[in-house]
Protein backbone atom coordinates (compact mmCIF):
# COMPACT_ATOMS: atom_id res chain seq x y z
CA MET A 1 -17.40 -19.47 -22.34
CA GLU A 2 -20.55 -17.90 -20.53
CA ALA A 3 -20.06 -16.10 -17.37
CA GLY A 4 -21.62 -18.55 -14.75
CA THR A 5 -19.49 -21.26 -16.23
CA GLN A 6 -16.26 -19.59 -16.35
CA SER A 7 -16.99 -18.13 -12.42
CA ASP A 8 -17.69 -21.45 -11.23
CA LYS A 9 -14.59 -22.96 -13.07
CA LEU A 10 -12.38 -20.19 -11.60
CA HIS A 11 -14.04 -21.27 -8.12
CA GLU A 12 -13.16 -24.95 -8.65
CA ILE A 13 -9.64 -23.76 -9.79
CA PHE A 14 -9.20 -21.82 -6.22
CA ILE A 15 -10.51 -24.20 -4.27
CA GLN A 16 -8.38 -26.95 -5.68
CA ASN A 17 -4.99 -24.58 -5.34
CA VAL A 18 -5.86 -23.47 -2.07
CA SER A 19 -6.66 -26.87 -0.81
CA HIS A 20 -3.06 -27.92 -2.23
CA GLU A 21 -1.24 -25.22 -0.78
CA LEU A 22 -2.60 -25.75 2.44
CA ARG A 23 -2.58 -29.64 2.64
CA THR A 24 0.98 -29.97 1.38
CA PRO A 25 3.06 -28.60 4.39
CA LEU A 26 0.21 -29.63 6.85
CA ALA A 27 1.17 -33.20 5.40
CA ILE A 28 4.77 -32.76 6.06
CA MET A 29 4.24 -31.38 9.45
CA LEU A 30 1.95 -34.33 10.02
CA GLY A 31 4.33 -36.68 9.07
CA PHE A 32 7.10 -35.92 10.62
CA THR A 33 5.80 -35.30 13.74
CA GLN A 34 4.15 -38.67 13.83
CA LEU A 35 7.38 -40.47 13.04
CA LEU A 36 9.26 -38.18 16.27
CA LYS A 37 6.23 -39.61 18.26
CA ASP A 38 6.60 -43.40 16.90
CA GLY A 39 10.23 -43.16 17.80
CA ASP A 40 11.56 -43.54 13.86
CA PHE A 41 14.22 -40.77 14.54
CA GLY A 42 15.14 -41.90 18.11
CA GLU A 43 13.65 -42.61 21.72
CA LEU A 44 12.17 -38.88 23.27
CA ALA A 45 12.32 -37.15 26.34
CA PRO A 46 9.03 -37.18 28.28
CA GLU A 47 9.01 -33.17 27.71
CA GLN A 48 9.53 -33.92 24.00
CA GLU A 49 6.76 -36.54 23.94
CA GLU A 50 4.34 -34.32 25.46
CA ALA A 51 5.43 -31.70 23.24
CA THR A 52 5.13 -33.68 19.97
CA LYS A 53 1.48 -34.96 21.27
CA VAL A 54 0.39 -31.22 21.31
CA ILE A 55 1.60 -30.48 18.07
CA LEU A 56 0.12 -33.48 16.67
CA ASP A 57 -3.39 -32.32 17.86
CA ARG A 58 -3.37 -28.80 16.76
CA ALA A 59 -2.36 -29.95 13.80
CA GLU A 60 -5.47 -32.27 13.06
CA SER A 61 -7.44 -29.52 14.18
CA LEU A 62 -6.15 -27.69 11.64
CA LYS A 63 -6.12 -30.51 9.24
CA GLY A 64 -10.26 -31.14 10.68
CA LEU A 65 -10.48 -27.49 9.44
CA VAL A 66 -9.16 -27.39 6.06
CA GLU A 67 -10.76 -30.61 4.96
CA ARG A 68 -14.31 -29.22 6.21
CA ILE A 69 -13.92 -25.62 4.25
CA CYS A 70 -12.49 -27.50 1.02
CA LEU A 71 -15.37 -30.12 1.13
CA LEU A 72 -18.24 -27.94 2.25
CA MET A 73 -16.81 -24.96 -0.78
CA GLY A 74 -15.40 -27.14 -3.32
CA GLY A 75 -18.71 -29.97 -3.53
CA GLU A 76 -21.08 -27.86 -4.92
CA GLY A 77 -22.61 -28.82 -8.11
CA HIS A 78 -20.50 -31.86 -8.17
CA GLU A 79 -22.25 -35.35 -8.25
CA VAL A 80 -21.39 -37.33 -5.18
CA ILE A 81 -19.60 -40.50 -6.25
CA ARG A 82 -21.61 -43.27 -3.84
CA ALA A 83 -20.73 -47.05 -3.21
CA PRO A 84 -21.84 -49.55 -1.15
CA LEU A 85 -20.25 -49.44 2.30
CA SER A 86 -20.57 -50.15 5.90
CA LEU A 87 -21.56 -47.45 7.87
CA ALA A 88 -20.88 -49.28 11.12
CA GLU A 89 -16.98 -49.43 9.82
CA VAL A 90 -17.01 -45.55 8.87
CA VAL A 91 -18.62 -44.92 12.64
CA LYS A 92 -15.85 -47.58 13.89
CA GLU A 93 -12.92 -45.48 12.40
CA VAL A 94 -14.15 -41.97 13.36
CA VAL A 95 -14.88 -43.11 17.19
CA THR A 96 -11.13 -44.28 16.99
CA LYS A 97 -10.08 -41.51 16.46
CA LYS A 98 -12.24 -39.29 18.51
CA GLU A 99 -11.76 -41.13 21.66
CA THR A 100 -8.56 -39.38 22.98
CA GLU A 101 -10.52 -35.76 22.67
CA ILE A 102 -13.14 -36.73 24.06
CA GLU A 103 -11.73 -38.33 26.68
CA THR A 104 -9.52 -35.39 27.16
CA ALA A 105 -12.49 -32.98 27.29
CA GLY A 106 -13.70 -34.73 30.35
CA LEU A 107 -16.80 -36.24 28.88
CA SER A 108 -17.79 -39.90 28.20
CA LEU A 109 -18.60 -41.47 24.99
CA SER A 110 -21.16 -44.63 24.95
CA VAL A 111 -21.36 -46.38 21.55
CA GLU A 112 -24.07 -49.09 20.41
CA MET A 113 -24.72 -50.62 17.37
CA ASP A 114 -26.91 -53.21 16.16
CA ASP A 115 -25.58 -56.71 14.91
CA ASN A 116 -26.20 -57.37 11.35
CA LEU A 117 -26.70 -53.48 9.80
CA PRO A 118 -27.26 -53.28 6.21
CA ILE A 119 -25.10 -51.88 3.60
CA ILE A 120 -25.99 -48.72 2.22
CA PHE A 121 -24.85 -46.56 -0.70
CA GLY A 122 -22.61 -43.48 0.24
CA ASN A 123 -19.70 -41.85 -0.07
CA GLN A 124 -17.09 -42.72 2.45
CA TYR A 125 -14.98 -39.49 2.50
CA ARG A 126 -17.86 -37.50 2.86
CA LEU A 127 -19.85 -39.60 5.74
CA GLY A 128 -16.94 -39.91 8.15
CA HIS A 129 -16.66 -36.22 7.94
CA LEU A 130 -20.75 -36.51 9.19
CA VAL A 131 -19.87 -38.67 12.10
CA THR A 132 -16.94 -36.55 12.89
CA CYS A 133 -18.89 -33.19 12.68
CA LEU A 134 -21.61 -34.32 15.03
CA LEU A 135 -19.35 -35.73 17.39
CA ASP A 136 -17.14 -32.57 17.50
CA ASN A 137 -20.89 -30.60 17.96
CA ALA A 138 -21.66 -32.93 21.03
CA VAL A 139 -18.09 -32.19 22.39
CA LYS A 140 -18.27 -28.56 21.84
CA PHE A 141 -21.43 -27.59 23.34
CA ASN A 142 -21.08 -30.12 26.33
CA GLU A 143 -19.79 -29.59 29.78
CA ALA A 144 -17.22 -31.31 32.14
CA GLU A 145 -18.25 -35.05 33.13
CA GLY A 146 -21.05 -34.66 30.26
CA THR A 147 -21.78 -37.68 27.99
CA ILE A 148 -22.43 -38.43 24.51
CA LYS A 149 -24.35 -41.48 22.97
CA LEU A 150 -23.87 -42.38 19.68
CA LYS A 151 -26.16 -45.21 18.45
CA LEU A 152 -26.62 -46.96 15.15
CA TYR A 153 -29.24 -48.96 14.10
CA ALA A 154 -31.98 -49.84 11.08
CA GLU A 155 -35.38 -49.01 11.27
CA HIS A 156 -37.42 -50.00 8.34
CA ASP A 157 -36.00 -49.20 5.44
CA GLN A 158 -33.70 -46.70 6.86
CA LEU A 159 -30.32 -46.63 8.71
CA CYS A 160 -30.33 -44.45 11.47
CA LEU A 161 -27.06 -42.65 13.36
CA SER A 162 -27.81 -40.58 16.63
CA VAL A 163 -26.10 -38.66 18.66
CA THR A 164 -26.94 -37.65 21.43
CA ASP A 165 -25.23 -35.12 24.14
CA SER A 166 -26.26 -34.00 27.93
CA GLY A 167 -24.33 -30.23 26.76
CA ILE A 168 -26.04 -26.83 26.98
CA GLY A 169 -28.70 -27.20 24.18
CA ILE A 170 -29.24 -24.83 21.46
CA PRO A 171 -31.90 -22.40 21.06
CA ALA A 172 -34.47 -22.99 18.47
CA ALA A 173 -33.37 -19.93 16.43
CA GLU A 174 -29.58 -20.34 16.95
CA LEU A 175 -30.00 -24.04 15.86
CA LYS A 176 -31.72 -22.75 12.45
CA GLN A 177 -28.90 -20.22 11.59
CA LEU A 178 -26.00 -22.75 12.67
CA ILE A 179 -27.93 -25.33 10.09
CA SER A 180 -28.44 -23.08 7.15
CA ASN A 181 -25.70 -20.42 7.47
CA ARG A 182 -22.14 -21.12 6.80
CA PHE A 183 -19.62 -19.54 9.15
CA TYR A 184 -22.56 -18.67 11.46
CA GLN A 185 -21.29 -18.52 14.89
CA ILE A 186 -23.67 -18.41 18.30
CA ASP A 187 -21.41 -15.98 19.88
CA GLY A 188 -19.31 -13.97 17.32
CA SER A 189 -17.16 -11.95 19.76
CA THR A 190 -13.51 -11.97 20.82
CA THR A 191 -14.53 -13.54 24.07
CA ARG A 192 -16.59 -16.43 22.67
CA ASN A 193 -16.35 -19.32 24.79
CA TYR A 194 -16.96 -22.02 21.47
CA GLU A 195 -13.87 -22.26 18.99
CA GLY A 196 -14.55 -22.92 15.17
CA LEU A 197 -15.50 -21.50 12.02
CA GLY A 198 -19.56 -22.64 12.05
CA LEU A 199 -19.28 -24.86 8.98
CA GLY A 200 -19.89 -28.38 10.90
CA LEU A 201 -23.80 -28.44 11.25
CA THR A 202 -24.08 -26.93 7.96
CA LEU A 203 -21.76 -29.70 6.40
CA VAL A 204 -24.16 -32.35 8.48
CA LYS A 205 -27.01 -30.88 6.43
CA ALA A 206 -25.31 -30.99 3.01
CA ILE A 207 -24.21 -34.50 3.50
CA VAL A 208 -27.47 -35.96 4.54
CA GLU A 209 -29.02 -34.37 1.42
CA GLU A 210 -26.38 -35.46 -0.77
CA HIS A 211 -27.08 -39.15 0.27
CA ASN A 212 -31.19 -38.55 0.12
CA GLY A 213 -31.29 -38.66 3.53
CA ARG A 214 -33.24 -37.01 6.59
CA LEU A 215 -32.00 -34.74 9.63
CA GLU A 216 -34.18 -34.28 12.88
CA ILE A 217 -32.65 -32.54 15.40
CA ASN A 218 -33.95 -32.16 19.17
CA SER A 219 -32.75 -29.79 21.38
CA GLU A 220 -33.20 -27.50 24.35
CA PRO A 221 -31.28 -25.23 26.15
CA GLY A 222 -30.01 -26.61 29.48
CA PHE A 223 -31.12 -30.28 28.42
CA GLY A 224 -28.34 -31.30 25.19
CA SER A 225 -29.44 -32.26 21.96
CA GLN A 226 -29.79 -34.94 19.62
CA PHE A 227 -29.01 -35.52 16.32
CA ILE A 228 -30.70 -38.27 14.02
CA VAL A 229 -29.55 -39.08 10.72
CA GLN A 230 -31.80 -41.12 8.35
CA LEU A 231 -30.12 -42.89 5.38
CA PRO A 232 -32.61 -45.34 2.78
CA VAL A 233 -31.36 -48.88 2.68
CA PRO A 234 -31.00 -50.11 -1.15
CA VAL A 235 -33.81 -52.41 -2.07
CA THR A 236 -32.29 -55.57 -3.51
CA PRO A 237 -33.77 -58.87 -5.42
CA ALA A 238 -34.64 -61.64 -3.04
CA GLY A 239 -31.84 -63.82 -1.96
CA GLU A 240 -29.23 -61.01 -3.00
CA SER A 241 -27.40 -58.43 -0.50
CA VAL A 242 -25.13 -55.68 -1.32
CA SER A 243 -21.38 -56.29 -0.58
CA VAL A 244 -18.33 -54.25 -0.44
CA THR A 245 -15.38 -55.67 -2.70
CA HIS A 246 -11.83 -54.74 -2.92
CA ALA A 247 -9.60 -55.06 -5.87
CA ASN A 248 -6.31 -55.12 -4.21
CA LEU A 249 -3.10 -57.04 -4.72
CA PRO A 250 -0.50 -58.12 -2.05
CA PRO A 251 2.57 -55.63 -2.82
CA GLN A 252 6.03 -56.89 -2.54
CA ARG A 253 7.43 -54.20 -4.47
CA VAL A 254 6.18 -50.59 -3.66
CA LEU A 255 6.59 -47.08 -5.32
CA VAL A 256 6.09 -43.72 -3.51
CA VAL A 257 5.90 -40.89 -6.20
CA ASP A 258 5.85 -37.48 -5.39
CA ASP A 259 7.27 -34.40 -6.44
CA GLU A 260 7.62 -32.82 -2.91
CA ILE A 261 10.75 -34.84 -1.30
CA ASN A 262 9.36 -34.24 2.13
CA VAL A 263 6.24 -36.26 1.80
CA GLY A 264 7.94 -38.78 -0.35
CA LEU A 265 10.27 -39.56 2.62
CA ILE A 266 7.60 -39.28 5.23
CA VAL A 267 5.47 -42.21 3.61
CA GLN A 268 8.70 -44.10 2.06
CA LYS A 269 9.97 -44.22 6.09
CA GLY A 270 6.70 -45.02 7.33
CA LEU A 271 6.06 -47.78 5.21
CA LYS A 272 9.47 -49.38 5.87
CA LYS A 273 8.06 -50.81 9.15
CA LEU A 274 6.10 -53.27 7.09
CA PRO A 275 7.24 -56.63 6.81
CA ASN A 276 8.40 -57.98 3.10
CA CYS A 277 7.93 -54.66 1.40
CA GLU A 278 10.62 -52.98 -0.65
CA ILE A 279 9.98 -49.16 -1.42
CA LYS A 280 11.20 -47.43 -3.64
CA LEU A 281 10.66 -43.18 -4.02
CA ALA A 282 10.57 -41.24 -7.91
CA ARG A 283 10.05 -37.35 -7.78
CA ASN A 284 8.47 -37.13 -10.90
CA ALA A 285 6.61 -39.75 -13.72
CA ASP A 286 9.85 -40.15 -15.75
CA GLN A 287 12.02 -41.34 -12.68
CA ALA A 288 8.69 -43.51 -11.63
CA LEU A 289 8.72 -44.83 -15.41
CA ALA A 290 12.60 -45.52 -15.34
CA LEU A 291 12.32 -47.49 -12.04
CA CYS A 292 9.61 -49.37 -13.42
CA GLN A 293 11.98 -50.84 -15.97
CA GLU A 294 13.79 -52.66 -13.52
CA GLY A 295 10.96 -54.95 -12.79
CA PRO A 296 6.81 -53.98 -12.07
CA PHE A 297 5.72 -52.79 -8.97
CA ASP A 298 3.01 -54.28 -7.02
CA LEU A 299 1.96 -51.22 -5.79
CA MET A 300 2.08 -47.68 -6.58
CA ILE A 301 1.31 -44.73 -4.14
CA THR A 302 1.39 -41.44 -6.39
CA ASP A 303 0.65 -38.06 -5.69
CA TYR A 304 -2.05 -36.22 -8.08
CA MET A 305 -0.76 -32.73 -8.78
CA MET A 306 3.01 -32.89 -10.13
CA PRO A 307 4.75 -30.59 -12.52
CA GLY A 308 4.72 -32.22 -16.15
CA THR A 309 2.82 -35.17 -16.01
CA ASP A 310 0.20 -35.57 -13.03
CA GLY A 311 -0.57 -38.66 -11.33
CA LEU A 312 -3.77 -39.66 -13.38
CA ALA A 313 -1.64 -39.42 -16.15
CA LEU A 314 1.30 -41.50 -14.46
CA ALA A 315 -1.30 -43.89 -13.25
CA GLY A 316 -2.79 -44.18 -17.01
CA GLN A 317 0.79 -44.94 -17.99
CA ILE A 318 1.17 -47.61 -15.66
CA ARG A 319 -1.92 -49.21 -16.10
CA GLU A 320 -1.12 -50.00 -19.58
CA LEU A 321 2.18 -51.21 -18.91
CA TYR A 322 1.09 -53.50 -15.79
CA PRO A 323 -2.48 -53.94 -15.59
CA GLN A 324 -1.90 -55.95 -12.08
CA THR A 325 -0.25 -52.91 -10.31
CA VAL A 326 -2.20 -51.40 -7.48
CA ILE A 327 -2.32 -47.77 -7.36
CA LEU A 328 -3.30 -45.55 -4.40
CA MET A 329 -3.71 -41.70 -5.14
CA LEU A 330 -2.62 -38.97 -2.76
CA THR A 331 -4.53 -35.83 -3.07
CA ALA A 332 -4.94 -32.53 -1.93
CA HIS A 333 -8.30 -31.75 -3.73
CA ASN A 334 -10.56 -34.74 -3.49
CA ASN A 335 -13.49 -34.55 -5.13
CA ASP A 336 -15.95 -36.58 -7.33
CA GLU A 337 -15.00 -35.39 -10.47
CA LEU A 338 -11.20 -36.53 -9.58
CA HIS A 339 -13.05 -39.92 -8.63
CA GLN A 340 -14.39 -40.40 -11.79
CA GLN A 341 -11.45 -39.75 -13.47
CA ALA A 342 -9.26 -42.33 -11.43
CA SER A 343 -11.88 -45.09 -11.69
CA GLN A 344 -10.96 -44.97 -15.49
CA VAL A 345 -7.58 -45.92 -14.77
CA SER A 346 -8.65 -48.18 -12.01
CA ILE A 347 -7.00 -46.51 -9.44
CA GLN A 348 -8.08 -48.65 -6.41
CA ARG A 349 -8.35 -45.52 -3.52
CA ILE A 350 -7.55 -42.21 -3.18
CA MET A 351 -6.34 -40.94 0.14
CA ASN A 352 -6.62 -37.19 1.20
CA LYS A 353 -3.59 -34.87 2.05
CA PRO A 354 -2.50 -34.48 4.73
CA VAL A 355 -2.57 -38.56 5.21
CA GLU A 356 -1.65 -39.95 8.38
CA ILE A 357 1.02 -42.68 8.18
CA THR A 358 -0.65 -44.95 10.12
CA GLU A 359 -4.00 -44.53 7.70
CA ILE A 360 -1.60 -45.46 4.69
CA ARG A 361 0.11 -48.56 6.67
CA GLN A 362 -3.10 -49.75 7.08
CA ALA A 363 -4.22 -49.10 3.27
CA VAL A 364 -0.91 -50.82 2.25
CA SER A 365 -1.83 -53.96 5.05
CA GLN A 366 -5.28 -54.07 3.59
CA VAL A 367 -3.48 -54.65 0.31
CA LEU A 368 -1.14 -57.49 1.58
CA ASP A 369 -3.91 -59.23 3.50
CA ASN A 370 -6.70 -59.43 0.97
CA GLY A 371 -4.56 -61.32 -1.72
CA PRO A 372 -4.76 -60.81 -5.44
CA SER A 373 -7.48 -59.47 -6.97
CA ALA A 374 -9.67 -61.04 -9.10
């Protein structure tokens, strides 16, 4: 093996292992805290509710940090898998998650999106991080009672996302460093005013370039900043349109497979709130296959990295035995190579650990609502 190839492989294994070791305990912490907040373990006193909220907020911040490091450091050299998607839906999902944080910071957010926006080819996971990073930057370098304006619009053959803030602005020299150099901090001292590792704008630039887009930045100290992302709209033959399709099956019996018992219990308990669902739990592939002998499952949610037989291999076996079973995969190492492997065994969706209970419920609800796959 050549030195460069071996080094790249070791780098990928390191990112995979670090990602798994960080995301798994985060998934447990977030899952149980969310269940506490939702009252699954009994009603909380007001002080307990407030403490739970603080834990969730800080854990979410840590989750975002881990995801950015793994996304930026682990995505090098991999082809980015893209599919037809609605950027408007991606923006709506991110805005919903960030609204409380923006309001708590004493800022106002306005969102303007044109009607009938075109579908683009993109990577939903990475574009979600792009929108998140832009909003995080607008919050970070803003001031109390400041404003953030997000606009999504079509212009010629481009779909444009604009995020404008009324904050402190960034000097041109510092902006160039923030965009080009990972981990660069405008103020790296122990008394700095701004938190973070300096990855956000570097990641934005990388994701824009992966999507063959352009990033335009206008910023002036004392007058705020504006970031405009331009993404190409695919050209289709006359009368045809690009559409997003979902191959989902309404679940009746749901199988959760995870070797980390606490993660499995969190998912199992979180899904019990859904109507007409029978939830079974397995800790490995052998247990999962044994449960399948009782009858096929409509939906299987499996972890990727497990001792003995991993989630991909299990998915392959389930696909051969029960072609109609919908399979969702949870992983702490979500990259494009995994997406390619998952597509070969028709895994419908990959969800990145730590996954919020509400996100899992939503994914399963979509399977319930959309009816049988073609």
